């Protein structure tokens, strides 16, 4: 196994791992649940390792060229169907599952 990416936030590591898996690169997620600990030491950061050494260069290229999705929340919105107030991080109503139709 060869380490190709490490970060304190396991969600970010998971995002990159999913990109590699989608590309057919077999990976191992080391220290996946460490980020829930009170104190995180960099040597124990959640880490993606590629199983096959021949995939290392391609994995590093995929990670280098990928960009994290924009996770910033938009403004809260009101569902046009049921009238519920919905947090801006939701793209559909939590109450009735209708999508956010605001432009």
PDB file of N, CA and C in Angstrom:
ATOM      1  N   UNK A   1       0.838  -1.184   0.000  1.00  0.00           N
ATOM      2  CA  UNK A   1       0.000   0.000   0.000  1.00  0.00           C
ATOM      3  C   UNK A   1       0.881   1.245   0.000  1.00  0.00           C
ATOM      4  N   UNK A   2       0.412   2.247  -0.754  1.00  0.00           N
ATOM      5  CA  UNK A   2       1.160   3.499  -0.847  1.00  0.00           C
ATOM      6  C   UNK A   2       0.233   4.649  -0.481  1.00  0.00           C
ATOM      7  N   UNK A   3       0.643   5.458   0.489  1.00  0.00           N
ATOM      8  CA  UNK A   3      -0.144   6.604   0.921  1.00  0.00           C
ATOM      9  C   UNK A   3      -0.150   7.657  -0.174  1.00  0.00           C
ATOM     10  N   UNK A   4      -1.371   8.152  -0.526  1.00  0.00           N
ATOM     11  CA  UNK A   4      -1.459   9.176  -1.561  1.00  0.00           C
ATOM     12  C   UNK A   4      -2.141  10.460  -1.084  1.00  0.00           C
ATOM     13  N   UNK A   5      -2.881  10.400   0.056  1.00  0.00           N
ATOM     14  CA  UNK A   5      -3.523  11.619   0.534  1.00  0.00           C
ATOM     15  C   UNK A   5      -3.867  11.456   2.004  1.00  0.00           C
ATOM     16  N   UNK A   6      -3.669  12.524   2.766  1.00  0.00           N
ATOM     17  CA  UNK A   6      -3.959  12.530   4.185  1.00  0.00           C
ATOM     18  C   UNK A   6      -4.492  13.901   4.577  1.00  0.00           C
ATOM     19  N   UNK A   7      -5.468  13.919   5.485  1.00  0.00           N
ATOM     20  CA  UNK A   7      -6.056  15.184   5.938  1.00  0.00           C
ATOM     21  C   UNK A   7      -6.739  14.940   7.279  1.00  0.00           C
ATOM     22  N   UNK A   8      -6.854  15.963   8.102  1.00  0.00           N
ATOM     23  CA  UNK A   8      -7.491  15.821   9.411  1.00  0.00           C
ATOM     24  C   UNK A   8      -8.982  15.534   9.308  1.00  0.00           C
ATOM     25  N   UNK A   9      -9.624  15.957   8.227  1.00  0.00           N
ATOM     26  CA  UNK A   9     -11.068  15.784   8.059  1.00  0.00           C
ATOM     27  C   UNK A   9     -11.351  14.526   7.236  1.00  0.00           C
ATOM     28  N   UNK A  10     -11.953  13.524   7.867  1.00  0.00           N
ATOM     29  CA  UNK A  10     -12.202  12.263   7.172  1.00  0.00           C
ATOM     30  C   UNK A  10     -13.213  12.417   6.039  1.00  0.00           C
ATOM     31  N   UNK A  11     -14.068  13.436   6.089  1.00  0.00           N
ATOM     32  CA  UNK A  11     -15.019  13.655   4.996  1.00  0.00           C
ATOM     33  C   UNK A  11     -14.291  14.066   3.716  1.00  0.00           C
ATOM     34  N   UNK A  12     -13.270  14.887   3.845  1.00  0.00           N
ATOM     35  CA  UNK A  12     -12.486  15.297   2.681  1.00  0.00           C
ATOM     36  C   UNK A  12     -11.715  14.103   2.128  1.00  0.00           C
ATOM     37  N   UNK A  13     -11.133  13.320   3.021  1.00  0.00           N
ATOM     38  CA  UNK A  13     -10.410  12.124   2.586  1.00  0.00           C
ATOM     39  C   UNK A  13     -11.380  11.167   1.895  1.00  0.00           C
ATOM     40  N   UNK A  14     -12.574  11.016   2.445  1.00  0.00           N
ATOM     41  CA  UNK A  14     -13.581  10.147   1.835  1.00  0.00           C
ATOM     42  C   UNK A  14     -13.993  10.620   0.456  1.00  0.00           C
ATOM     43  N   UNK A  15     -14.074  11.938   0.275  1.00  0.00           N
ATOM     44  CA  UNK A  15     -14.417  12.486  -1.039  1.00  0.00           C
ATOM     45  C   UNK A  15     -13.380  12.076  -2.077  1.00  0.00           C
ATOM     46  N   UNK A  16     -12.105  12.274  -1.750  1.00  0.00           N
ATOM     47  CA  UNK A  16     -11.054  11.901  -2.696  1.00  0.00           C
ATOM     48  C   UNK A  16     -10.999  10.392  -2.907  1.00  0.00           C
ATOM     49  N   UNK A  17     -11.256   9.641  -1.854  1.00  0.00           N
ATOM     50  CA  UNK A  17     -11.265   8.188  -2.003  1.00  0.00           C
ATOM     51  C   UNK A  17     -12.354   7.765  -2.987  1.00  0.00           C
ATOM     52  N   UNK A  18     -13.524   8.386  -2.898  1.00  0.00           N
ATOM     53  CA  UNK A  18     -14.608   8.021  -3.814  1.00  0.00           C
ATOM     54  C   UNK A  18     -14.228   8.336  -5.264  1.00  0.00           C
ATOM     55  N   UNK A  19     -13.485   9.424  -5.492  1.00  0.00           N
ATOM     56  CA  UNK A  19     -13.021   9.730  -6.848  1.00  0.00           C
ATOM     57  C   UNK A  19     -12.085   8.641  -7.363  1.00  0.00           C
ATOM     58  N   UNK A  20     -11.200   8.191  -6.501  1.00  0.00           N
ATOM     59  CA  UNK A  20     -10.258   7.142  -6.909  1.00  0.00           C
ATOM     60  C   UNK A  20     -10.978   5.819  -7.161  1.00  0.00           C
ATOM     61  N   UNK A  21     -11.906   5.480  -6.278  1.00  0.00           N
ATOM     62  CA  UNK A  21     -12.665   4.236  -6.453  1.00  0.00           C
ATOM     63  C   UNK A  21     -13.488   4.296  -7.736  1.00  0.00           C
ATOM     64  N   UNK A  22     -14.092   5.455  -8.030  1.00  0.00           N
ATOM     65  CA  UNK A  22     -14.862   5.617  -9.274  1.00  0.00           C
ATOM     66  C   UNK A  22     -13.975   5.443 -10.504  1.00  0.00           C
ATOM     67  N   UNK A  23     -12.694   5.759 -10.364  1.00  0.00           N
ATOM     68  CA  UNK A  23     -11.742   5.614 -11.468  1.00  0.00           C
ATOM     69  C   UNK A  23     -11.182   4.189 -11.547  1.00  0.00           C
ATOM     70  N   UNK A  24     -11.668   3.310 -10.683  1.00  0.00           N
ATOM     71  CA  UNK A  24     -11.225   1.923 -10.709  1.00  0.00           C
ATOM     72  C   UNK A  24      -9.950   1.653  -9.938  1.00  0.00           C
ATOM     73  N   UNK A  25      -9.543   2.592  -9.107  1.00  0.00           N
ATOM     74  CA  UNK A  25      -8.330   2.425  -8.306  1.00  0.00           C
ATOM     75  C   UNK A  25      -8.730   1.870  -6.937  1.00  0.00           C
ATOM     76  N   UNK A  26      -8.210   0.716  -6.592  1.00  0.00           N
ATOM     77  CA  UNK A  26      -8.521   0.108  -5.302  1.00  0.00           C
ATOM     78  C   UNK A  26      -7.737   0.819  -4.210  1.00  0.00           C
ATOM     79  N   UNK A  27      -8.451   1.183  -3.132  1.00  0.00           N
ATOM     80  CA  UNK A  27      -7.842   1.952  -2.053  1.00  0.00           C
ATOM     81  C   UNK A  27      -8.105   1.306  -0.702  1.00  0.00           C
ATOM     82  N   UNK A  28      -7.371   1.802   0.266  1.00  0.00           N
ATOM     83  CA  UNK A  28      -7.573   1.439   1.661  1.00  0.00           C
ATOM     84  C   UNK A  28      -7.650   2.749   2.438  1.00  0.00           C
ATOM     85  N   UNK A  29      -8.655   2.895   3.299  1.00  0.00           N
ATOM     86  CA  UNK A  29      -8.868   4.109   4.088  1.00  0.00           C
ATOM     87  C   UNK A  29      -8.319   3.848   5.490  1.00  0.00           C
ATOM     88  N   UNK A  30      -7.123   4.337   5.741  1.00  0.00           N
ATOM     89  CA  UNK A  30      -6.465   4.135   7.033  1.00  0.00           C
ATOM     90  C   UNK A  30      -6.855   5.261   7.990  1.00  0.00           C
ATOM     91  N   UNK A  31      -7.072   4.928   9.252  1.00  0.00           N
ATOM     92  CA  UNK A  31      -7.427   5.897  10.311  1.00  0.00           C
ATOM     93  C   UNK A  31      -8.742   6.621  10.009  1.00  0.00           C
ATOM     94  N   UNK A  32      -9.674   5.920   9.412  1.00  0.00           N
ATOM     95  CA  UNK A  32     -10.938   6.527   8.983  1.00  0.00           C
ATOM     96  C   UNK A  32     -11.700   7.200  10.122  1.00  0.00           C
ATOM     97  N   UNK A  33     -11.707   6.612  11.292  1.00  0.00           N
ATOM     98  CA  UNK A  33     -12.534   7.122  12.379  1.00  0.00           C
ATOM     99  C   UNK A  33     -11.764   7.919  13.427  1.00  0.00           C
ATOM    100  N   UNK A  34     -10.526   8.233  13.142  1.00  0.00           N
ATOM    101  CA  UNK A  34      -9.698   8.975  14.094  1.00  0.00           C
ATOM    102  C   UNK A  34     -10.159  10.419  14.228  1.00  0.00           C
ATOM    103  N   UNK A  35     -10.754  11.000  13.188  1.00  0.00           N
ATOM    104  CA  UNK A  35     -11.098  12.424  13.242  1.00  0.00           C
ATOM    105  C   UNK A  35     -12.161  12.731  14.290  1.00  0.00           C
ATOM    106  N   UNK A  36     -12.809  11.739  14.846  1.00  0.00           N
ATOM    107  CA  UNK A  36     -13.770  11.970  15.910  1.00  0.00           C
ATOM    108  C   UNK A  36     -13.118  12.110  17.272  1.00  0.00           C
ATOM    109  N   UNK A  37     -11.827  11.907  17.340  1.00  0.00           N
ATOM    110  CA  UNK A  37     -11.106  11.978  18.611  1.00  0.00           C
ATOM    111  C   UNK A  37     -10.941  13.429  19.047  1.00  0.00           C
ATOM    112  N   UNK A  38     -10.707  13.615  20.334  1.00  0.00           N
ATOM    113  CA  UNK A  38     -10.524  14.956  20.883  1.00  0.00           C
ATOM    114  C   UNK A  38      -9.290  15.651  20.303  1.00  0.00           C
ATOM    115  N   UNK A  39      -8.169  14.947  20.265  1.00  0.00           N
ATOM    116  CA  UNK A  39      -6.924  15.508  19.757  1.00  0.00           C
ATOM    117  C   UNK A  39      -6.444  14.618  18.619  1.00  0.00           C
ATOM    118  N   UNK A  40      -6.187  15.240  17.480  1.00  0.00           N
ATOM    119  CA  UNK A  40      -5.733  14.474  16.326  1.00  0.00           C
ATOM    120  C   UNK A  40      -4.278  14.807  16.060  1.00  0.00           C
ATOM    121  N   UNK A  41      -3.446  13.803  16.069  1.00  0.00           N
ATOM    122  CA  UNK A  41      -2.025  13.951  15.789  1.00  0.00           C
ATOM    123  C   UNK A  41      -1.831  13.673  14.299  1.00  0.00           C
ATOM    124  N   UNK A  42      -1.111  14.533  13.572  1.00  0.00           N
ATOM    125  CA  UNK A  42      -0.975  14.354  12.121  1.00  0.00           C
ATOM    126  C   UNK A  42      -0.589  12.949  11.669  1.00  0.00           C
ATOM    127  N   UNK A  43       0.203  12.250  12.450  1.00  0.00           N
ATOM    128  CA  UNK A  43       0.603  10.906  12.032  1.00  0.00           C
ATOM    129  C   UNK A  43      -0.604   9.962  11.995  1.00  0.00           C
ATOM    130  N   UNK A  44      -1.696  10.330  12.671  1.00  0.00           N
ATOM    131  CA  UNK A  44      -2.897   9.513  12.695  1.00  0.00           C
ATOM    132  C   UNK A  44      -4.030  10.103  11.858  1.00  0.00           C
ATOM    133  N   UNK A  45      -3.735  11.069  10.994  1.00  0.00           N
ATOM    134  CA  UNK A  45      -4.770  11.637  10.133  1.00  0.00           C
ATOM    135  C   UNK A  45      -5.408  10.543   9.275  1.00  0.00           C
ATOM    136  N   UNK A  46      -6.689  10.680   8.956  1.00  0.00           N
ATOM    137  CA  UNK A  46      -7.293   9.771   7.977  1.00  0.00           C
ATOM    138  C   UNK A  46      -6.509   9.844   6.666  1.00  0.00           C
ATOM    139  N   UNK A  47      -6.247   8.685   6.090  1.00  0.00           N
ATOM    140  CA  UNK A  47      -5.332   8.585   4.954  1.00  0.00           C
ATOM    141  C   UNK A  47      -5.857   7.622   3.902  1.00  0.00           C
ATOM    142  N   UNK A  48      -5.676   7.976   2.637  1.00  0.00           N
ATOM    143  CA  UNK A  48      -5.979   7.074   1.531  1.00  0.00           C
ATOM    144  C   UNK A  48      -4.673   6.433   1.086  1.00  0.00           C
ATOM    145  N   UNK A  49      -4.717   5.114   0.951  1.00  0.00           N
ATOM    146  CA  UNK A  49      -3.585   4.376   0.391  1.00  0.00           C
ATOM    147  C   UNK A  49      -4.079   3.638  -0.844  1.00  0.00           C
ATOM    148  N   UNK A  50      -3.263   3.599  -1.874  1.00  0.00           N
ATOM    149  CA  UNK A  50      -3.605   2.771  -3.036  1.00  0.00           C
ATOM    150  C   UNK A  50      -3.002   1.391  -2.813  1.00  0.00           C
ATOM    151  N   UNK A  51      -3.753   0.381  -3.230  1.00  0.00           N
ATOM    152  CA  UNK A  51      -3.328  -1.004  -3.033  1.00  0.00           C
ATOM    153  C   UNK A  51      -2.226  -1.375  -4.026  1.00  0.00           C
ATOM    154  N   UNK A  52      -2.433  -1.024  -5.287  1.00  0.00           N
ATOM    155  CA  UNK A  52      -1.501  -1.394  -6.350  1.00  0.00           C
ATOM    156  C   UNK A  52      -0.518  -0.244  -6.600  1.00  0.00           C
ATOM    157  N   UNK A  53       0.763  -0.468  -6.420  1.00  0.00           N
ATOM    158  CA  UNK A  53       1.753   0.597  -6.640  1.00  0.00           C
ATOM    159  C   UNK A  53       1.679   1.218  -8.039  1.00  0.00           C
ATOM    160  N   UNK A  54       1.215   0.457  -9.011  1.00  0.00           N
ATOM    161  CA  UNK A  54       1.108   0.985 -10.372  1.00  0.00           C
ATOM    162  C   UNK A  54       0.032   2.069 -10.496  1.00  0.00           C
ATOM    163  N   UNK A  55      -0.873   2.155  -9.522  1.00  0.00           N
ATOM    164  CA  UNK A  55      -1.936   3.166  -9.543  1.00  0.00           C
ATOM    165  C   UNK A  55      -1.534   4.475  -8.882  1.00  0.00           C
ATOM    166  N   UNK A  56      -0.362   4.521  -8.272  1.00  0.00           N
ATOM    167  CA  UNK A  56       0.042   5.704  -7.505  1.00  0.00           C
ATOM    168  C   UNK A  56       0.034   6.982  -8.342  1.00  0.00           C
ATOM    169  N   UNK A  57       0.682   6.986  -9.479  1.00  0.00           N
ATOM    170  CA  UNK A  57       0.782   8.203 -10.296  1.00  0.00           C
ATOM    171  C   UNK A  57      -0.591   8.672 -10.751  1.00  0.00           C
ATOM    172  N   UNK A  58      -1.427   7.738 -11.196  1.00  0.00           N
ATOM    173  CA  UNK A  58      -2.774   8.114 -11.650  1.00  0.00           C
ATOM    174  C   UNK A  58      -3.602   8.648 -10.488  1.00  0.00           C
ATOM    175  N   UNK A  59      -3.486   8.032  -9.315  1.00  0.00           N
ATOM    176  CA  UNK A  59      -4.220   8.491  -8.134  1.00  0.00           C
ATOM    177  C   UNK A  59      -3.800   9.904  -7.751  1.00  0.00           C
ATOM    178  N   UNK A  60      -2.500  10.167  -7.740  1.00  0.00           N
ATOM    179  CA  UNK A  60      -2.014  11.504  -7.402  1.00  0.00           C
ATOM    180  C   UNK A  60      -2.491  12.540  -8.412  1.00  0.00           C
ATOM    181  N   UNK A  61      -2.548  12.166  -9.674  1.00  0.00           N
ATOM    182  CA  UNK A  61      -3.029  13.082 -10.715  1.00  0.00           C
ATOM    183  C   UNK A  61      -4.521  13.387 -10.528  1.00  0.00           C
ATOM    184  N   UNK A  62      -5.307  12.378 -10.206  1.00  0.00           N
ATOM    185  CA  UNK A  62      -6.747  12.577  -9.977  1.00  0.00           C
ATOM    186  C   UNK A  62      -6.956  13.514  -8.791  1.00  0.00           C
ATOM    187  N   UNK A  63      -6.241  13.283  -7.717  1.00  0.00           N
ATOM    188  CA  UNK A  63      -6.378  14.130  -6.530  1.00  0.00           C
ATOM    189  C   UNK A  63      -5.934  15.561  -6.840  1.00  0.00           C
ATOM    190  N   UNK A  64      -4.832  15.703  -7.563  1.00  0.00           N
ATOM    191  CA  UNK A  64      -4.309  17.034  -7.904  1.00  0.00           C
ATOM    192  C   UNK A  64      -5.314  17.833  -8.742  1.00  0.00           C
ATOM    193  N   UNK A  65      -5.994  17.166  -9.663  1.00  0.00           N
ATOM    194  CA  UNK A  65      -6.900  17.855 -10.584  1.00  0.00           C
ATOM    195  C   UNK A  65      -8.325  17.996 -10.062  1.00  0.00           C
ATOM    196  N   UNK A  66      -8.630  17.342  -8.963  1.00  0.00           N
ATOM    197  CA  UNK A  66      -9.987  17.409  -8.413  1.00  0.00           C
ATOM    198  C   UNK A  66     -10.144  18.671  -7.578  1.00  0.00           C
ATOM    199  N   UNK A  67     -11.356  19.130  -7.496  1.00  0.00           N
ATOM    200  CA  UNK A  67     -11.632  20.260  -6.619  1.00  0.00           C
ATOM    201  C   UNK A  67     -12.776  19.874  -5.696  1.00  0.00           C
ATOM    202  N   UNK A  68     -12.652  20.290  -4.458  1.00  0.00           N
ATOM    203  CA  UNK A  68     -13.696  19.994  -3.490  1.00  0.00           C
ATOM    204  C   UNK A  68     -14.976  20.719  -3.869  1.00  0.00           C
ATOM    205  N   UNK A  69     -16.120  20.089  -3.649  1.00  0.00           N
ATOM    206  CA  UNK A  69     -17.378  20.779  -3.926  1.00  0.00           C
ATOM    207  C   UNK A  69     -17.550  21.962  -2.975  1.00  0.00           C
ATOM    208  N   UNK A  70     -18.273  22.962  -3.419  1.00  0.00           N
ATOM    209  CA  UNK A  70     -18.549  24.128  -2.584  1.00  0.00           C
ATOM    210  C   UNK A  70     -19.590  23.734  -1.543  1.00  0.00           C
ATOM    211  N   UNK A  71     -19.173  23.667  -0.295  1.00  0.00           N
ATOM    212  CA  UNK A  71     -20.069  23.236   0.766  1.00  0.00           C
ATOM    213  C   UNK A  71     -20.617  24.403   1.585  1.00  0.00           C
ATOM    214  N   UNK A  72     -20.416  25.612   1.088  1.00  0.00           N
ATOM    215  CA  UNK A  72     -20.939  26.758   1.816  1.00  0.00           C
ATOM    216  C   UNK A  72     -22.454  26.788   1.674  1.00  0.00           C
ATOM    217  N   UNK A  73     -23.087  27.144   2.736  1.00  0.00           N
ATOM    218  CA  UNK A  73     -24.546  27.158   2.760  1.00  0.00           C
ATOM    219  C   UNK A  73     -25.078  28.414   2.088  1.00  0.00           C
ATOM    220  N   UNK A  74     -26.124  28.234   1.337  1.00  0.00           N
ATOM    221  CA  UNK A  74     -26.839  29.375   0.790  1.00  0.00           C
ATOM    222  C   UNK A  74     -27.786  29.898   1.856  1.00  0.00           C
ATOM    223  N   UNK A  75     -28.600  30.852   1.511  1.00  0.00           N
ATOM    224  CA  UNK A  75     -29.555  31.369   2.495  1.00  0.00           C
ATOM    225  C   UNK A  75     -30.637  30.328   2.790  1.00  0.00           C
ATOM    226  N   UNK A  76     -31.193  30.407   3.992  1.00  0.00           N
ATOM    227  CA  UNK A  76     -32.340  29.559   4.308  1.00  0.00           C
ATOM    228  C   UNK A  76     -33.466  29.900   3.339  1.00  0.00           C
ATOM    229  N   UNK A  77     -34.344  28.951   3.085  1.00  0.00           N
ATOM    230  CA  UNK A  77     -35.414  29.162   2.118  1.00  0.00           C
ATOM    231  C   UNK A  77     -36.709  28.566   2.627  1.00  0.00           C
ATOM    232  N   UNK A  78     -37.808  29.019   2.046  1.00  0.00           N
ATOM    233  CA  UNK A  78     -39.133  28.547   2.442  1.00  0.00           C
ATOM    234  C   UNK A  78     -39.663  27.638   1.341  1.00  0.00           C
ATOM    235  N   UNK A  79     -40.092  26.444   1.711  1.00  0.00           N
ATOM    236  CA  UNK A  79     -40.616  25.479   0.740  1.00  0.00           C
ATOM    237  C   UNK A  79     -41.913  26.008   0.146  1.00  0.00           C
ATOM    238  N   UNK A  80     -41.969  26.051  -1.183  1.00  0.00           N
ATOM    239  CA  UNK A  80     -43.167  26.544  -1.867  1.00  0.00           C
ATOM    240  C   UNK A  80     -44.337  25.577  -1.760  1.00  0.00           C
ATOM    241  N   UNK A  81     -44.056  24.315  -1.450  1.00  0.00           N
ATOM    242  CA  UNK A  81     -45.122  23.322  -1.381  1.00  0.00           C
ATOM    243  C   UNK A  81     -45.774  23.260  -0.008  1.00  0.00           C
ATOM    244  N   UNK A  82     -44.949  23.132   1.051  1.00  0.00           N
ATOM    245  CA  UNK A  82     -45.533  22.950   2.387  1.00  0.00           C
ATOM    246  C   UNK A  82     -45.332  24.143   3.315  1.00  0.00           C
ATOM    247  N   UNK A  83     -44.518  25.119   2.887  1.00  0.00           N
ATOM    248  CA  UNK A  83     -44.328  26.327   3.682  1.00  0.00           C
ATOM    249  C   UNK A  83     -43.300  26.230   4.798  1.00  0.00           C
ATOM    250  N   UNK A  84     -42.607  25.100   4.918  1.00  0.00           N
ATOM    251  CA  UNK A  84     -41.594  24.938   5.969  1.00  0.00           C
ATOM    252  C   UNK A  84     -40.364  25.793   5.691  1.00  0.00           C
ATOM    253  N   UNK A  85     -39.747  26.285   6.750  1.00  0.00           N
ATOM    254  CA  UNK A  85     -38.453  26.950   6.632  1.00  0.00           C
ATOM    255  C   UNK A  85     -37.386  25.870   6.578  1.00  0.00           C
ATOM    256  N   UNK A  86     -36.492  25.978   5.594  1.00  0.00           N
ATOM    257  CA  UNK A  86     -35.488  24.946   5.349  1.00  0.00           C
ATOM    258  C   UNK A  86     -34.097  25.582   5.394  1.00  0.00           C
ATOM    259  N   UNK A  87     -33.137  24.946   6.091  1.00  0.00           N
ATOM    260  CA  UNK A  87     -31.779  25.487   6.130  1.00  0.00           C
ATOM    261  C   UNK A  87     -31.166  25.572   4.735  1.00  0.00           C
ATOM    262  N   UNK A  88     -30.296  26.539   4.529  1.00  0.00           N
ATOM    263  CA  UNK A  88     -29.663  26.750   3.236  1.00  0.00           C
ATOM    264  C   UNK A  88     -28.748  25.619   2.796  1.00  0.00           C
ATOM    265  N   UNK A  89     -28.379  24.735   3.708  1.00  0.00           N
ATOM    266  CA  UNK A  89     -27.540  23.598   3.343  1.00  0.00           C
ATOM    267  C   UNK A  89     -28.338  22.477   2.683  1.00  0.00           C
ATOM    268  N   UNK A  90     -29.660  22.564   2.723  1.00  0.00           N
ATOM    269  CA  UNK A  90     -30.523  21.533   2.136  1.00  0.00           C
ATOM    270  C   UNK A  90     -30.906  21.931   0.731  1.00  0.00           C
ATOM    271  N   UNK A  91     -30.909  20.969  -0.193  1.00  0.00           N
ATOM    272  CA  UNK A  91     -31.369  21.269  -1.549  1.00  0.00           C
ATOM    273  C   UNK A  91     -32.782  20.750  -1.787  1.00  0.00           C
ATOM    274  N   UNK A  92     -33.360  20.128  -0.765  1.00  0.00           N
ATOM    275  CA  UNK A  92     -34.771  19.744  -0.820  1.00  0.00           C
ATOM    276  C   UNK A  92     -35.361  19.905   0.572  1.00  0.00           C
ATOM    277  N   UNK A  93     -36.654  20.053   0.624  1.00  0.00           N
ATOM    278  CA  UNK A  93     -37.337  20.284   1.888  1.00  0.00           C
ATOM    279  C   UNK A  93     -37.220  19.058   2.789  1.00  0.00           C
ATOM    280  N   UNK A  94     -36.873  19.283   4.040  1.00  0.00           N
ATOM    281  CA  UNK A  94     -36.741  18.184   4.997  1.00  0.00           C
ATOM    282  C   UNK A  94     -38.102  17.615   5.358  1.00  0.00           C
ATOM    283  N   UNK A  95     -39.172  18.387   5.152  1.00  0.00           N
ATOM    284  CA  UNK A  95     -40.512  17.955   5.545  1.00  0.00           C
ATOM    285  C   UNK A  95     -41.239  17.182   4.445  1.00  0.00           C
ATOM    286  N   UNK A  96     -41.176  17.693   3.202  1.00  0.00           N
ATOM    287  CA  UNK A  96     -41.969  17.070   2.132  1.00  0.00           C
ATOM    288  C   UNK A  96     -41.107  16.583   0.951  1.00  0.00           C
ATOM    289  N   UNK A  97     -39.821  16.800   1.014  1.00  0.00           N
ATOM    290  CA  UNK A  97     -38.849  16.336   0.005  1.00  0.00           C
ATOM    291  C   UNK A  97     -38.929  17.053  -1.343  1.00  0.00           C
ATOM    292  N   UNK A  98     -39.657  18.133  -1.412  1.00  0.00           N
ATOM    293  CA  UNK A  98     -39.676  18.892  -2.663  1.00  0.00           C
ATOM    294  C   UNK A  98     -38.389  19.696  -2.786  1.00  0.00           C
ATOM    295  N   UNK A  99     -37.884  19.837  -4.027  1.00  0.00           N
ATOM    296  CA  UNK A  99     -36.607  20.531  -4.223  1.00  0.00           C
ATOM    297  C   UNK A  99     -36.736  22.040  -4.027  1.00  0.00           C
ATOM    298  N   UNK A 100     -35.590  22.655  -3.738  1.00  0.00           N
ATOM    299  CA  UNK A 100     -35.494  24.107  -3.644  1.00  0.00           C
ATOM    300  C   UNK A 100     -35.641  24.661  -5.071  1.00  0.00           C
ATOM    301  N   UNK A 101     -36.654  25.453  -5.301  1.00  0.00           N
ATOM    302  CA  UNK A 101     -36.918  25.973  -6.635  1.00  0.00           C
ATOM    303  C   UNK A 101     -36.468  27.417  -6.804  1.00  0.00           C
ATOM    304  N   UNK A 102     -35.816  27.975  -5.765  1.00  0.00           N
ATOM    305  CA  UNK A 102     -35.364  29.357  -5.875  1.00  0.00           C
ATOM    306  C   UNK A 102     -34.189  29.431  -6.838  1.00  0.00           C
ATOM    307  N   UNK A 103     -34.113  30.515  -7.624  1.00  0.00           N
ATOM    308  CA  UNK A 103     -33.016  30.643  -8.589  1.00  0.00           C
ATOM    309  C   UNK A 103     -31.675  30.878  -7.945  1.00  0.00           C
TER     310      UNK A 103
END
